[in-house]
N, C-alpha and C. Protein backbone atom coordinates (compact mmCIF):
# COMPACT_ATOMS: atom_id res chain seq x y z
N UNK A 1 0.83 -1.15 0.02
CA UNK A 1 0.04 -0.04 -0.07
C UNK A 1 0.89 1.25 0.07
N UNK A 2 2.06 1.13 0.64
CA UNK A 2 2.88 2.30 0.60
C UNK A 2 3.48 2.63 -0.72
N UNK A 3 3.70 1.65 -1.46
CA UNK A 3 4.25 1.77 -2.81
C UNK A 3 3.19 2.46 -3.71
N UNK A 4 1.93 2.12 -3.53
CA UNK A 4 0.75 2.75 -4.29
C UNK A 4 0.70 4.22 -3.98
N UNK A 5 0.79 4.55 -2.65
CA UNK A 5 0.74 5.90 -2.31
C UNK A 5 1.96 6.71 -2.78
N UNK A 6 3.21 6.10 -2.70
CA UNK A 6 4.38 6.77 -3.20
C UNK A 6 4.29 7.05 -4.71
N UNK A 7 3.70 6.11 -5.42
CA UNK A 7 3.56 6.27 -6.93
C UNK A 7 2.59 7.54 -7.16
N UNK A 8 1.54 7.48 -6.41
CA UNK A 8 0.62 8.73 -6.55
C UNK A 8 1.34 9.99 -6.18
N UNK A 9 2.00 9.90 -5.12
CA UNK A 9 2.74 11.09 -4.69
C UNK A 9 3.77 11.64 -5.79
N UNK A 10 4.46 10.75 -6.47
CA UNK A 10 5.31 11.05 -7.53
C UNK A 10 4.58 11.73 -8.62
N UNK A 11 3.42 11.05 -9.03
CA UNK A 11 2.64 11.54 -10.08
C UNK A 11 2.11 13.01 -9.74
N UNK A 12 1.72 13.18 -8.53
CA UNK A 12 1.13 14.48 -8.08
C UNK A 12 2.29 15.53 -8.24
N UNK A 13 3.46 15.20 -7.79
CA UNK A 13 4.56 16.16 -7.72
C UNK A 13 4.97 16.54 -9.27
N UNK A 14 4.91 15.58 -10.13
CA UNK A 14 5.16 15.79 -11.54
C UNK A 14 4.10 16.62 -12.17
N UNK A 15 2.90 16.52 -11.92
CA UNK A 15 1.81 17.35 -12.55
C UNK A 15 1.84 18.73 -11.86
N UNK A 16 2.21 18.78 -10.62
CA UNK A 16 2.29 20.22 -9.97
C UNK A 16 3.48 20.90 -10.56
N UNK A 17 4.62 20.21 -10.87
CA UNK A 17 5.79 20.88 -11.52
C UNK A 17 5.30 21.34 -12.98
N UNK A 18 4.48 20.58 -13.67
CA UNK A 18 4.05 20.92 -15.03
C UNK A 18 3.23 22.31 -14.86
N UNK A 19 2.21 22.29 -13.94
CA UNK A 19 1.47 23.41 -13.77
C UNK A 19 2.35 24.64 -13.28
N UNK A 20 3.29 24.38 -12.41
CA UNK A 20 4.17 25.49 -11.97
C UNK A 20 4.90 26.04 -13.13
N UNK A 21 5.36 25.26 -14.07
CA UNK A 21 6.10 25.83 -15.22
C UNK A 21 5.17 26.61 -16.03
N UNK A 22 3.93 26.29 -16.08
CA UNK A 22 2.88 26.99 -16.93
C UNK A 22 2.37 28.20 -16.11
N UNK A 23 2.77 28.43 -14.84
CA UNK A 23 2.31 29.56 -14.00
C UNK A 23 0.91 29.49 -13.55
N UNK A 24 0.34 28.25 -13.49
CA UNK A 24 -1.05 28.09 -12.99
C UNK A 24 -0.99 27.65 -11.53
N UNK A 25 -0.98 28.61 -10.64
CA UNK A 25 -0.83 28.54 -9.27
C UNK A 25 -2.02 27.73 -8.55
N UNK A 26 -3.20 27.95 -9.12
CA UNK A 26 -4.32 27.29 -8.52
C UNK A 26 -4.24 25.71 -8.76
N UNK A 27 -3.88 25.29 -9.85
CA UNK A 27 -3.71 23.92 -10.22
C UNK A 27 -2.33 23.24 -9.52
N UNK A 28 -1.35 24.17 -9.28
CA UNK A 28 -0.22 23.75 -8.46
C UNK A 28 -0.64 23.37 -7.17
N UNK A 29 -1.46 24.22 -6.57
CA UNK A 29 -1.99 23.99 -5.13
C UNK A 29 -2.88 22.79 -5.07
N UNK A 30 -3.79 22.66 -6.10
CA UNK A 30 -4.61 21.35 -6.06
C UNK A 30 -3.92 20.24 -6.09
N UNK A 31 -2.79 20.21 -7.06
CA UNK A 31 -1.95 18.93 -7.33
C UNK A 31 -1.09 18.65 -5.95
N UNK A 32 -0.60 19.70 -5.45
CA UNK A 32 0.23 19.50 -4.15
C UNK A 32 -0.55 19.08 -3.06
N UNK A 33 -1.81 19.52 -2.92
CA UNK A 33 -2.58 19.17 -1.80
C UNK A 33 -3.40 17.93 -1.95
N UNK A 34 -3.53 17.30 -3.20
CA UNK A 34 -4.28 16.19 -3.42
C UNK A 34 -3.79 14.85 -2.58
N UNK A 35 -2.58 14.64 -2.44
CA UNK A 35 -2.18 13.40 -1.56
C UNK A 35 -2.65 13.57 -0.11
N UNK A 36 -3.10 14.80 0.39
CA UNK A 36 -3.69 14.78 1.67
C UNK A 36 -4.89 14.10 1.86
N UNK A 37 -5.56 13.73 0.65
CA UNK A 37 -6.82 13.00 0.67
C UNK A 37 -6.55 11.55 1.17
N UNK A 38 -5.35 11.07 1.18
CA UNK A 38 -4.94 9.87 1.67
C UNK A 38 -5.25 9.66 3.18
N UNK A 39 -5.33 10.80 3.91
CA UNK A 39 -5.64 10.81 5.34
C UNK A 39 -7.01 10.60 5.70
N UNK A 40 -7.92 10.82 4.69
CA UNK A 40 -9.37 10.60 4.88
C UNK A 40 -9.67 9.22 4.55
N UNK A 41 -9.92 8.32 5.54
CA UNK A 41 -10.08 6.95 5.28
C UNK A 41 -11.55 6.63 4.80
N UNK A 42 -11.89 7.15 3.62
CA UNK A 42 -13.26 6.97 3.11
C UNK A 42 -13.10 6.79 1.60
N UNK A 43 -14.01 6.06 1.06
CA UNK A 43 -13.83 5.63 -0.40
C UNK A 43 -13.98 6.83 -1.35
N UNK A 44 -14.72 7.87 -0.96
CA UNK A 44 -14.92 9.00 -1.88
C UNK A 44 -13.55 9.67 -1.94
N UNK A 45 -12.63 9.65 -1.00
CA UNK A 45 -11.38 10.33 -1.22
C UNK A 45 -10.56 9.49 -2.18
N UNK A 46 -10.62 8.17 -2.16
CA UNK A 46 -9.95 7.31 -3.09
C UNK A 46 -10.37 7.48 -4.44
N UNK A 47 -11.66 7.71 -4.67
CA UNK A 47 -12.29 7.97 -5.98
C UNK A 47 -11.86 9.29 -6.48
N UNK A 48 -11.61 10.29 -5.69
CA UNK A 48 -11.21 11.61 -6.07
C UNK A 48 -9.79 11.56 -6.51
N UNK A 49 -8.97 10.86 -5.70
CA UNK A 49 -7.53 10.62 -6.10
C UNK A 49 -7.36 9.91 -7.47
N UNK A 50 -8.28 8.95 -7.69
CA UNK A 50 -8.20 8.23 -8.96
C UNK A 50 -8.60 9.16 -10.02
N UNK A 51 -9.64 9.87 -9.87
CA UNK A 51 -10.15 10.84 -10.90
C UNK A 51 -8.90 11.90 -11.15
N UNK A 52 -8.33 12.38 -10.21
CA UNK A 52 -7.32 13.31 -10.36
C UNK A 52 -6.08 12.72 -11.20
N UNK A 53 -5.81 11.41 -10.89
CA UNK A 53 -4.77 10.81 -11.74
C UNK A 53 -5.12 10.65 -13.14
N UNK A 54 -6.34 10.31 -13.36
CA UNK A 54 -6.85 10.11 -14.78
C UNK A 54 -6.88 11.53 -15.52
N UNK A 55 -7.26 12.53 -14.84
CA UNK A 55 -7.18 13.89 -15.36
C UNK A 55 -5.80 14.30 -15.65
N UNK A 56 -4.86 13.90 -14.75
CA UNK A 56 -3.46 14.36 -14.93
C UNK A 56 -2.89 13.59 -16.13
N UNK A 57 -3.30 12.36 -16.36
CA UNK A 57 -2.95 11.53 -17.48
C UNK A 57 -3.33 12.16 -18.83
N UNK A 58 -4.51 12.66 -18.74
CA UNK A 58 -5.11 13.26 -19.97
C UNK A 58 -4.38 14.69 -20.22
N UNK A 59 -3.94 15.25 -19.20
CA UNK A 59 -3.23 16.54 -19.31
C UNK A 59 -1.89 16.20 -20.00
N UNK A 60 -1.17 15.13 -19.49
CA UNK A 60 -0.01 14.82 -20.03
C UNK A 60 -0.02 14.34 -21.53
N UNK A 61 -1.12 13.78 -21.86
CA UNK A 61 -1.44 13.41 -23.28
C UNK A 61 -1.53 14.55 -24.14
N UNK A 62 -2.29 15.52 -23.74
CA UNK A 62 -2.57 16.78 -24.35
C UNK A 62 -1.16 17.57 -24.56
N UNK A 63 -0.45 17.60 -23.46
CA UNK A 63 0.83 18.26 -23.54
C UNK A 63 1.77 17.55 -24.55
N UNK A 64 1.83 16.32 -24.56
CA UNK A 64 2.56 15.61 -25.49
C UNK A 64 2.21 15.78 -26.91
N UNK A 65 0.86 15.75 -27.27
CA UNK A 65 0.39 15.98 -28.63
C UNK A 65 0.65 17.47 -29.06
N UNK A 66 0.52 18.34 -28.13
CA UNK A 66 0.91 19.81 -28.42
C UNK A 66 2.27 19.94 -28.80
N UNK A 67 3.17 19.32 -28.01
CA UNK A 67 4.51 19.51 -28.19
C UNK A 67 5.00 18.82 -29.49
N UNK A 68 4.40 17.63 -29.69
CA UNK A 68 4.86 17.00 -31.03
C UNK A 68 4.39 17.82 -32.25
N UNK A 69 3.23 18.39 -32.21
CA UNK A 69 2.80 19.31 -33.20
C UNK A 69 3.66 20.46 -33.39
N UNK A 70 4.07 21.11 -32.37
CA UNK A 70 4.96 22.24 -32.39
C UNK A 70 6.28 21.93 -32.95
N UNK A 71 6.80 20.71 -32.51
CA UNK A 71 8.09 20.29 -33.03
C UNK A 71 8.20 19.88 -34.49
N UNK A 72 6.92 19.24 -34.96
CA UNK A 72 6.88 18.88 -36.34
C UNK A 72 6.90 20.10 -37.21
N UNK A 73 6.19 21.15 -36.78
CA UNK A 73 6.07 22.34 -37.52
C UNK A 73 7.38 23.03 -37.69
N UNK A 74 8.27 22.97 -36.72
CA UNK A 74 9.61 23.59 -36.80
C UNK A 74 10.64 22.67 -37.35
N UNK A 75 10.24 21.45 -37.65
CA UNK A 75 11.25 20.48 -38.10
C UNK A 75 12.22 19.79 -37.13
N UNK A 76 11.89 20.07 -35.79
CA UNK A 76 12.73 19.53 -34.70
C UNK A 76 12.36 18.03 -34.45
N UNK A 77 13.21 17.40 -33.78
CA UNK A 77 13.00 15.94 -33.41
C UNK A 77 12.05 15.91 -32.26
N UNK A 78 11.05 15.05 -32.28
CA UNK A 78 10.00 14.94 -31.36
C UNK A 78 9.98 13.58 -30.65
N UNK A 79 10.79 12.67 -31.01
CA UNK A 79 10.76 11.31 -30.37
C UNK A 79 11.07 11.23 -28.93
N UNK A 80 12.15 12.19 -28.45
CA UNK A 80 12.51 12.07 -27.11
C UNK A 80 11.31 12.60 -26.25
N UNK A 81 10.67 13.58 -26.78
CA UNK A 81 9.55 14.26 -26.08
C UNK A 81 8.41 13.26 -25.89
N UNK A 82 8.21 12.49 -26.94
CA UNK A 82 7.13 11.39 -26.79
C UNK A 82 7.56 10.31 -25.77
N UNK A 83 8.81 10.01 -25.79
CA UNK A 83 9.22 9.02 -24.83
C UNK A 83 9.15 9.44 -23.40
N UNK A 84 9.60 10.65 -23.18
CA UNK A 84 9.53 11.18 -21.77
C UNK A 84 8.14 11.40 -21.35
N UNK A 85 7.30 12.16 -22.15
CA UNK A 85 6.07 12.55 -21.75
C UNK A 85 5.06 11.27 -21.79
N UNK A 86 5.29 10.42 -22.65
CA UNK A 86 4.55 9.12 -22.71
C UNK A 86 4.80 8.33 -21.49
N UNK A 87 6.00 8.27 -20.96
CA UNK A 87 6.39 7.47 -19.78
C UNK A 87 5.70 8.27 -18.62
N UNK A 88 5.76 9.55 -18.45
CA UNK A 88 5.15 10.20 -17.29
C UNK A 88 3.59 10.04 -17.37
N UNK A 89 3.02 10.05 -18.64
CA UNK A 89 1.62 9.83 -18.70
C UNK A 89 1.22 8.38 -18.30
N UNK A 90 2.03 7.34 -18.69
CA UNK A 90 1.66 6.09 -18.23
C UNK A 90 1.91 5.73 -16.66
N UNK A 91 2.94 6.44 -16.21
CA UNK A 91 3.12 6.45 -14.73
C UNK A 91 2.00 6.97 -13.93
N UNK A 92 1.44 8.09 -14.47
CA UNK A 92 0.32 8.72 -13.89
C UNK A 92 -0.90 7.91 -13.94
N UNK A 93 -1.12 7.30 -15.14
CA UNK A 93 -2.29 6.46 -15.33
C UNK A 93 -2.20 5.19 -14.43
N UNK A 94 -0.99 4.64 -14.29
CA UNK A 94 -0.70 3.55 -13.34
C UNK A 94 -0.96 3.99 -12.03
N UNK A 95 -0.62 5.13 -11.51
CA UNK A 95 -0.87 5.58 -10.18
C UNK A 95 -2.34 5.60 -9.87
N UNK A 96 -3.14 6.01 -10.91
CA UNK A 96 -4.63 5.95 -10.67
C UNK A 96 -5.15 4.55 -10.66
N UNK A 97 -4.62 3.70 -11.49
CA UNK A 97 -5.20 2.34 -11.55
C UNK A 97 -4.92 1.51 -10.31
N UNK A 98 -3.63 1.67 -9.76
CA UNK A 98 -3.39 0.88 -8.57
C UNK A 98 -4.10 1.36 -7.34
N UNK A 99 -4.71 2.40 -7.40
CA UNK A 99 -5.57 2.96 -6.26
C UNK A 99 -6.85 2.07 -6.25
N UNK A 100 -7.13 1.38 -7.31
CA UNK A 100 -8.29 0.55 -7.29
C UNK A 100 -8.05 -0.81 -6.96
N UNK A 101 -6.93 -1.14 -6.31
CA UNK A 101 -6.61 -2.49 -5.98
C UNK A 101 -7.44 -2.93 -4.75
N UNK A 102 -7.52 -4.18 -4.45
CA UNK A 102 -8.26 -4.70 -3.23
C UNK A 102 -7.89 -4.12 -1.94
N UNK A 103 -6.52 -4.07 -1.67
CA UNK A 103 -5.93 -3.56 -0.44
C UNK A 103 -6.27 -2.12 -0.20
N UNK A 104 -6.27 -1.35 -1.37
CA UNK A 104 -6.67 0.01 -1.11
C UNK A 104 -8.22 0.15 -0.95
N UNK A 105 -8.97 -0.56 -1.56
CA UNK A 105 -10.42 -0.48 -1.38
C UNK A 105 -10.79 -0.92 0.07
N UNK A 106 -10.10 -1.84 0.45
CA UNK A 106 -10.33 -2.44 1.90
C UNK A 106 -9.88 -1.36 2.83
N UNK A 107 -8.86 -0.60 2.65
CA UNK A 107 -8.43 0.38 3.56
C UNK A 107 -9.20 1.63 3.58
N UNK A 108 -10.01 1.75 2.47
CA UNK A 108 -10.81 3.11 2.26
C UNK A 108 -12.23 2.56 2.03
N UNK A 109 -13.09 2.12 3.03
CA UNK A 109 -14.37 1.68 2.82
C UNK A 109 -15.30 2.88 2.55
N UNK A 110 -16.51 2.50 1.95
CA UNK A 110 -17.55 3.49 1.90
C UNK A 110 -18.04 3.74 3.41
N UNK A 111 -18.61 5.00 3.66
CA UNK A 111 -19.11 5.29 4.99
C UNK A 111 -20.17 4.29 5.31
N UNK A 112 -20.33 4.14 6.71
CA UNK A 112 -21.43 3.24 7.18
C UNK A 112 -22.80 3.41 6.65
N UNK A 113 -23.09 4.70 6.19
CA UNK A 113 -24.43 4.89 5.57
C UNK A 113 -24.59 4.12 4.32
N UNK A 114 -23.56 3.93 3.56
CA UNK A 114 -23.69 3.16 2.34
C UNK A 114 -23.35 1.71 2.31
N UNK A 115 -23.04 1.17 3.49
CA UNK A 115 -22.63 -0.17 3.59
C UNK A 115 -23.94 -1.02 3.39
N UNK A 116 -23.72 -2.17 2.66
CA UNK A 116 -24.81 -3.16 2.62
C UNK A 116 -24.41 -4.37 3.24
N UNK A 117 -23.19 -4.62 3.71
CA UNK A 117 -22.86 -5.78 4.42
C UNK A 117 -22.98 -5.79 5.89
N UNK A 118 -24.09 -5.31 6.48
CA UNK A 118 -24.15 -5.09 7.83
C UNK A 118 -24.00 -6.38 8.64
């Protein structure tokens, strides 16, 4: 479970750095604060973390496609950019997927109001 959290923390730090470079302070704050949701032992926090990871993956994909387009227009090499941003995108996607594992779901149950296994 610690490895899953560490993977998400790395993904959150990377997307926060991306937003920092773009000067988007609101999204830097959101990305930096997102791992704090691990302290709330409720399934909704886990779902929000997963959603954040999936949105961050989409952001990396959009950044990669934009960079490839820019580099193709100027005649520059774009393969290194695809390898790097593609790897970061897959790492971020993996960070969201592993939060759906059984041990994570067991550690973050739905609140007692929504439980059906009384």
